[in-house]
């Protein structure tokens, strides 16, 4: 019985590459979500700013 427990412990404490890959995948997913959220928010602000500038230029040009 002791040999079986020792063998199981050695099998479970060995290779952890799969766990590390999963952690890196989760970190990448979270960072990707943050980047997409920031880009969407910044994109909407940038669109509004260009719209305001375009309207001001059109008004100054006499509505061409």
PDB file of N, CA and C in Angstrom:
ATOM      1  N   UNK A   1       0.824  -1.193   0.000  1.00  0.00           N
ATOM      2  CA  UNK A   1       0.000   0.000   0.000  1.00  0.00           C
ATOM      3  C   UNK A   1       0.868   1.256   0.000  1.00  0.00           C
ATOM      4  N   UNK A   2       1.970   1.219   0.779  1.00  0.00           N
ATOM      5  CA  UNK A   2       2.864   2.373   0.844  1.00  0.00           C
ATOM      6  C   UNK A   2       3.505   2.651  -0.511  1.00  0.00           C
ATOM      7  N   UNK A   3       3.857   1.588  -1.234  1.00  0.00           N
ATOM      8  CA  UNK A   3       4.474   1.747  -2.556  1.00  0.00           C
ATOM      9  C   UNK A   3       3.482   2.407  -3.535  1.00  0.00           C
ATOM     10  N   UNK A   4       2.214   2.007  -3.447  1.00  0.00           N
ATOM     11  CA  UNK A   4       1.187   2.593  -4.306  1.00  0.00           C
ATOM     12  C   UNK A   4       1.025   4.088  -4.035  1.00  0.00           C
ATOM     13  N   UNK A   5       0.976   4.465  -2.762  1.00  0.00           N
ATOM     14  CA  UNK A   5       0.836   5.878  -2.384  1.00  0.00           C
ATOM     15  C   UNK A   5       2.049   6.692  -2.853  1.00  0.00           C
ATOM     16  N   UNK A   6       3.237   6.096  -2.717  1.00  0.00           N
ATOM     17  CA  UNK A   6       4.456   6.777  -3.142  1.00  0.00           C
ATOM     18  C   UNK A   6       4.447   6.983  -4.659  1.00  0.00           C
ATOM     19  N   UNK A   7       4.016   5.967  -5.395  1.00  0.00           N
ATOM     20  CA  UNK A   7       3.935   6.063  -6.857  1.00  0.00           C
ATOM     21  C   UNK A   7       2.919   7.124  -7.276  1.00  0.00           C
ATOM     22  N   UNK A   8       1.763   7.177  -6.646  1.00  0.00           N
ATOM     23  CA  UNK A   8       0.738   8.173  -6.975  1.00  0.00           C
ATOM     24  C   UNK A   8       1.239   9.587  -6.687  1.00  0.00           C
ATOM     25  N   UNK A   9       1.929   9.759  -5.579  1.00  0.00           N
ATOM     26  CA  UNK A   9       2.451  11.071  -5.232  1.00  0.00           C
ATOM     27  C   UNK A   9       3.489  11.524  -6.250  1.00  0.00           C
ATOM     28  N   UNK A  10       4.331  10.609  -6.688  1.00  0.00           N
ATOM     29  CA  UNK A  10       5.355  10.978  -7.671  1.00  0.00           C
ATOM     30  C   UNK A  10       4.711  11.318  -9.018  1.00  0.00           C
ATOM     31  N   UNK A  11       3.643  10.626  -9.372  1.00  0.00           N
ATOM     32  CA  UNK A  11       2.951  10.930 -10.631  1.00  0.00           C
ATOM     33  C   UNK A  11       2.259  12.289 -10.578  1.00  0.00           C
ATOM     34  N   UNK A  12       1.682  12.631  -9.458  1.00  0.00           N
ATOM     35  CA  UNK A  12       0.924  13.867  -9.328  1.00  0.00           C
ATOM     36  C   UNK A  12       1.823  15.087  -9.148  1.00  0.00           C
ATOM     37  N   UNK A  13       3.031  14.897  -8.648  1.00  0.00           N
ATOM     38  CA  UNK A  13       3.894  16.044  -8.398  1.00  0.00           C
ATOM     39  C   UNK A  13       4.887  16.272  -9.531  1.00  0.00           C
ATOM     40  N   UNK A  14       4.756  15.565 -10.613  1.00  0.00           N
ATOM     41  CA  UNK A  14       5.724  15.647 -11.706  1.00  0.00           C
ATOM     42  C   UNK A  14       5.500  16.834 -12.626  1.00  0.00           C
ATOM     43  N   UNK A  15       4.983  16.581 -13.781  1.00  0.00           N
ATOM     44  CA  UNK A  15       4.866  17.560 -14.856  1.00  0.00           C
ATOM     45  C   UNK A  15       3.750  18.563 -14.575  1.00  0.00           C
ATOM     46  N   UNK A  16       4.100  19.847 -14.555  1.00  0.00           N
ATOM     47  CA  UNK A  16       3.106  20.897 -14.318  1.00  0.00           C
ATOM     48  C   UNK A  16       2.988  21.837 -15.510  1.00  0.00           C
ATOM     49  N   UNK A  17       3.488  21.436 -16.672  1.00  0.00           N
ATOM     50  CA  UNK A  17       3.448  22.315 -17.840  1.00  0.00           C
ATOM     51  C   UNK A  17       2.026  22.626 -18.289  1.00  0.00           C
ATOM     52  N   UNK A  18       1.133  21.668 -18.172  1.00  0.00           N
ATOM     53  CA  UNK A  18      -0.252  21.895 -18.577  1.00  0.00           C
ATOM     54  C   UNK A  18      -0.920  22.948 -17.720  1.00  0.00           C
ATOM     55  N   UNK A  19      -0.650  22.929 -16.436  1.00  0.00           N
ATOM     56  CA  UNK A  19      -1.220  23.916 -15.517  1.00  0.00           C
ATOM     57  C   UNK A  19      -0.679  25.309 -15.837  1.00  0.00           C
ATOM     58  N   UNK A  20       0.611  25.399 -16.107  1.00  0.00           N
ATOM     59  CA  UNK A  20       1.221  26.686 -16.428  1.00  0.00           C
ATOM     60  C   UNK A  20       0.651  27.238 -17.732  1.00  0.00           C
ATOM     61  N   UNK A  21       0.472  26.388 -18.737  1.00  0.00           N
ATOM     62  CA  UNK A  21      -0.098  26.822 -20.013  1.00  0.00           C
ATOM     63  C   UNK A  21      -1.524  27.336 -19.804  1.00  0.00           C
ATOM     64  N   UNK A  22      -2.278  26.676 -18.968  1.00  0.00           N
ATOM     65  CA  UNK A  22      -3.638  27.111 -18.684  1.00  0.00           C
ATOM     66  C   UNK A  22      -3.647  28.474 -18.001  1.00  0.00           C
ATOM     67  N   UNK A  23      -2.741  28.679 -17.062  1.00  0.00           N
ATOM     68  CA  UNK A  23      -2.652  29.974 -16.384  1.00  0.00           C
ATOM     69  C   UNK A  23      -2.305  31.085 -17.362  1.00  0.00           C
ATOM     70  N   UNK A  24      -1.334  30.833 -18.241  1.00  0.00           N
ATOM     71  CA  UNK A  24      -0.969  31.834 -19.245  1.00  0.00           C
ATOM     72  C   UNK A  24      -2.132  32.105 -20.196  1.00  0.00           C
ATOM     73  N   UNK A  25      -2.883  31.082 -20.527  1.00  0.00           N
ATOM     74  CA  UNK A  25      -4.058  31.269 -21.383  1.00  0.00           C
ATOM     75  C   UNK A  25      -5.106  32.145 -20.727  1.00  0.00           C
ATOM     76  N   UNK A  26      -5.351  31.924 -19.448  1.00  0.00           N
ATOM     77  CA  UNK A  26      -6.324  32.752 -18.726  1.00  0.00           C
ATOM     78  C   UNK A  26      -5.854  34.200 -18.615  1.00  0.00           C
ATOM     79  N   UNK A  27      -4.575  34.403 -18.361  1.00  0.00           N
ATOM     80  CA  UNK A  27      -4.031  35.767 -18.289  1.00  0.00           C
ATOM     81  C   UNK A  27      -4.181  36.456 -19.636  1.00  0.00           C
ATOM     82  N   UNK A  28      -3.867  35.752 -20.734  1.00  0.00           N
ATOM     83  CA  UNK A  28      -3.996  36.326 -22.077  1.00  0.00           C
ATOM     84  C   UNK A  28      -5.446  36.689 -22.382  1.00  0.00           C
ATOM     85  N   UNK A  29      -6.387  35.858 -21.952  1.00  0.00           N
ATOM     86  CA  UNK A  29      -7.801  36.136 -22.192  1.00  0.00           C
ATOM     87  C   UNK A  29      -8.256  37.383 -21.439  1.00  0.00           C
ATOM     88  N   UNK A  30      -7.810  37.537 -20.204  1.00  0.00           N
ATOM     89  CA  UNK A  30      -8.184  38.718 -19.413  1.00  0.00           C
ATOM     90  C   UNK A  30      -7.586  39.983 -20.026  1.00  0.00           C
ATOM     91  N   UNK A  31      -6.311  39.917 -20.408  1.00  0.00           N
ATOM     92  CA  UNK A  31      -5.668  41.092 -21.021  1.00  0.00           C
ATOM     93  C   UNK A  31      -6.355  41.425 -22.341  1.00  0.00           C
ATOM     94  N   UNK A  32      -6.702  40.426 -23.124  1.00  0.00           N
ATOM     95  CA  UNK A  32      -7.420  40.668 -24.381  1.00  0.00           C
ATOM     96  C   UNK A  32      -8.761  41.349 -24.152  1.00  0.00           C
ATOM     97  N   UNK A  33      -9.482  40.918 -23.142  1.00  0.00           N
ATOM     98  CA  UNK A  33     -10.761  41.561 -22.817  1.00  0.00           C
ATOM     99  C   UNK A  33     -10.591  43.012 -22.419  1.00  0.00           C
ATOM    100  N   UNK A  34      -9.555  43.303 -21.639  1.00  0.00           N
ATOM    101  CA  UNK A  34      -9.290  44.684 -21.225  1.00  0.00           C
ATOM    102  C   UNK A  34      -8.934  45.543 -22.437  1.00  0.00           C
ATOM    103  N   UNK A  35      -8.105  45.009 -23.327  1.00  0.00           N
ATOM    104  CA  UNK A  35      -7.704  45.761 -24.520  1.00  0.00           C
ATOM    105  C   UNK A  35      -8.913  46.047 -25.414  1.00  0.00           C
ATOM    106  N   UNK A  36      -9.773  45.075 -25.618  1.00  0.00           N
ATOM    107  CA  UNK A  36     -10.961  45.269 -26.453  1.00  0.00           C
ATOM    108  C   UNK A  36     -11.886  46.301 -25.838  1.00  0.00           C
ATOM    109  N   UNK A  37     -12.084  46.235 -24.527  1.00  0.00           N
ATOM    110  CA  UNK A  37     -12.942  47.204 -23.846  1.00  0.00           C
ATOM    111  C   UNK A  37     -12.372  48.614 -23.961  1.00  0.00           C
ATOM    112  N   UNK A  38     -11.074  48.759 -23.750  1.00  0.00           N
ATOM    113  CA  UNK A  38     -10.433  50.073 -23.837  1.00  0.00           C
ATOM    114  C   UNK A  38     -10.494  50.614 -25.259  1.00  0.00           C
ATOM    115  N   UNK A  39     -10.249  49.770 -26.251  1.00  0.00           N
ATOM    116  CA  UNK A  39     -10.274  50.216 -27.642  1.00  0.00           C
ATOM    117  C   UNK A  39     -11.676  50.653 -28.053  1.00  0.00           C
ATOM    118  N   UNK A  40     -12.676  49.940 -27.608  1.00  0.00           N
ATOM    119  CA  UNK A  40     -14.057  50.321 -27.923  1.00  0.00           C
ATOM    120  C   UNK A  40     -14.405  51.661 -27.303  1.00  0.00           C
ATOM    121  N   UNK A  41     -14.059  51.838 -26.048  1.00  0.00           N
ATOM    122  CA  UNK A  41     -14.347  53.092 -25.355  1.00  0.00           C
ATOM    123  C   UNK A  41     -13.586  54.249 -25.982  1.00  0.00           C
ATOM    124  N   UNK A  42     -12.295  54.058 -26.252  1.00  0.00           N
ATOM    125  CA  UNK A  42     -11.488  55.108 -26.847  1.00  0.00           C
ATOM    126  C   UNK A  42     -11.951  55.405 -28.273  1.00  0.00           C
ATOM    127  N   UNK A  43     -12.353  54.372 -28.999  1.00  0.00           N
ATOM    128  CA  UNK A  43     -12.843  54.556 -30.371  1.00  0.00           C
ATOM    129  C   UNK A  43     -14.087  55.414 -30.410  1.00  0.00           C
ATOM    130  N   UNK A  44     -15.010  55.213 -29.489  1.00  0.00           N
ATOM    131  CA  UNK A  44     -16.222  56.023 -29.441  1.00  0.00           C
ATOM    132  C   UNK A  44     -15.891  57.477 -29.124  1.00  0.00           C
ATOM    133  N   UNK A  45     -14.966  57.707 -28.217  1.00  0.00           N
ATOM    134  CA  UNK A  45     -14.558  59.075 -27.882  1.00  0.00           C
ATOM    135  C   UNK A  45     -13.879  59.745 -29.068  1.00  0.00           C
ATOM    136  N   UNK A  46     -13.059  58.999 -29.774  1.00  0.00           N
ATOM    137  CA  UNK A  46     -12.345  59.535 -30.936  1.00  0.00           C
ATOM    138  C   UNK A  46     -13.325  59.868 -32.060  1.00  0.00           C
ATOM    139  N   UNK A  47     -14.312  59.035 -32.274  1.00  0.00           N
ATOM    140  CA  UNK A  47     -15.329  59.301 -33.285  1.00  0.00           C
ATOM    141  C   UNK A  47     -16.093  60.578 -32.959  1.00  0.00           C
ATOM    142  N   UNK A  48     -16.451  60.766 -31.711  1.00  0.00           N
ATOM    143  CA  UNK A  48     -17.159  61.980 -31.299  1.00  0.00           C
ATOM    144  C   UNK A  48     -16.284  63.220 -31.486  1.00  0.00           C
ATOM    145  N   UNK A  49     -14.992  63.104 -31.168  1.00  0.00           N
ATOM    146  CA  UNK A  49     -14.087  64.242 -31.329  1.00  0.00           C
ATOM    147  C   UNK A  49     -13.946  64.625 -32.796  1.00  0.00           C
ATOM    148  N   UNK A  50     -13.764  63.626 -33.675  1.00  0.00           N
ATOM    149  CA  UNK A  50     -13.658  63.923 -35.110  1.00  0.00           C
ATOM    150  C   UNK A  50     -14.960  64.503 -35.652  1.00  0.00           C
ATOM    151  N   UNK A  51     -16.087  64.048 -35.147  1.00  0.00           N
ATOM    152  CA  UNK A  51     -17.371  64.618 -35.569  1.00  0.00           C
ATOM    153  C   UNK A  51     -17.491  66.084 -35.192  1.00  0.00           C
ATOM    154  N   UNK A  52     -17.058  66.423 -33.987  1.00  0.00           N
ATOM    155  CA  UNK A  52     -17.088  67.814 -33.535  1.00  0.00           C
ATOM    156  C   UNK A  52     -16.160  68.677 -34.378  1.00  0.00           C
ATOM    157  N   UNK A  53     -14.973  68.188 -34.653  1.00  0.00           N
ATOM    158  CA  UNK A  53     -14.016  68.939 -35.481  1.00  0.00           C
ATOM    159  C   UNK A  53     -14.563  69.099 -36.896  1.00  0.00           C
ATOM    160  N   UNK A  54     -15.136  68.042 -37.450  1.00  0.00           N
ATOM    161  CA  UNK A  54     -15.702  68.116 -38.797  1.00  0.00           C
ATOM    162  C   UNK A  54     -16.837  69.116 -38.885  1.00  0.00           C
ATOM    163  N   UNK A  55     -17.703  69.135 -37.885  1.00  0.00           N
ATOM    164  CA  UNK A  55     -18.810  70.112 -37.869  1.00  0.00           C
ATOM    165  C   UNK A  55     -18.284  71.533 -37.757  1.00  0.00           C
ATOM    166  N   UNK A  56     -17.261  71.737 -36.940  1.00  0.00           N
ATOM    167  CA  UNK A  56     -16.687  73.078 -36.794  1.00  0.00           C
ATOM    168  C   UNK A  56     -16.057  73.538 -38.104  1.00  0.00           C
ATOM    169  N   UNK A  57     -15.346  72.671 -38.777  1.00  0.00           N
ATOM    170  CA  UNK A  57     -14.742  73.026 -40.060  1.00  0.00           C
ATOM    171  C   UNK A  57     -15.784  73.307 -41.129  1.00  0.00           C
ATOM    172  N   UNK A  58     -16.837  72.504 -41.132  1.00  0.00           N
ATOM    173  CA  UNK A  58     -17.920  72.740 -42.099  1.00  0.00           C
ATOM    174  C   UNK A  58     -18.589  74.077 -41.858  1.00  0.00           C
ATOM    175  N   UNK A  59     -18.800  74.423 -40.612  1.00  0.00           N
ATOM    176  CA  UNK A  59     -19.421  75.697 -40.271  1.00  0.00           C
ATOM    177  C   UNK A  59     -18.528  76.863 -40.674  1.00  0.00           C
ATOM    178  N   UNK A  60     -17.227  76.768 -40.415  1.00  0.00           N
ATOM    179  CA  UNK A  60     -16.277  77.820 -40.776  1.00  0.00           C
ATOM    180  C   UNK A  60     -16.137  77.976 -42.274  1.00  0.00           C
ATOM    181  N   UNK A  61     -16.266  76.862 -43.011  1.00  0.00           N
ATOM    182  CA  UNK A  61     -16.113  76.909 -44.462  1.00  0.00           C
ATOM    183  C   UNK A  61     -17.381  77.403 -45.133  1.00  0.00           C
ATOM    184  N   UNK A  62     -18.409  77.644 -44.406  1.00  0.00           N
ATOM    185  CA  UNK A  62     -19.662  78.155 -44.970  1.00  0.00           C
ATOM    186  C   UNK A  62     -20.602  77.065 -45.453  1.00  0.00           C
ATOM    187  N   UNK A  63     -20.448  75.878 -44.923  1.00  0.00           N
ATOM    188  CA  UNK A  63     -21.389  74.796 -45.245  1.00  0.00           C
ATOM    189  C   UNK A  63     -21.189  74.238 -46.638  1.00  0.00           C
ATOM    190  N   UNK A  64     -19.974  74.132 -47.088  1.00  0.00           N
ATOM    191  CA  UNK A  64     -19.677  73.649 -48.448  1.00  0.00           C
ATOM    192  C   UNK A  64     -20.144  72.271 -48.646  1.00  0.00           C
TER     193      UNK A  64
END
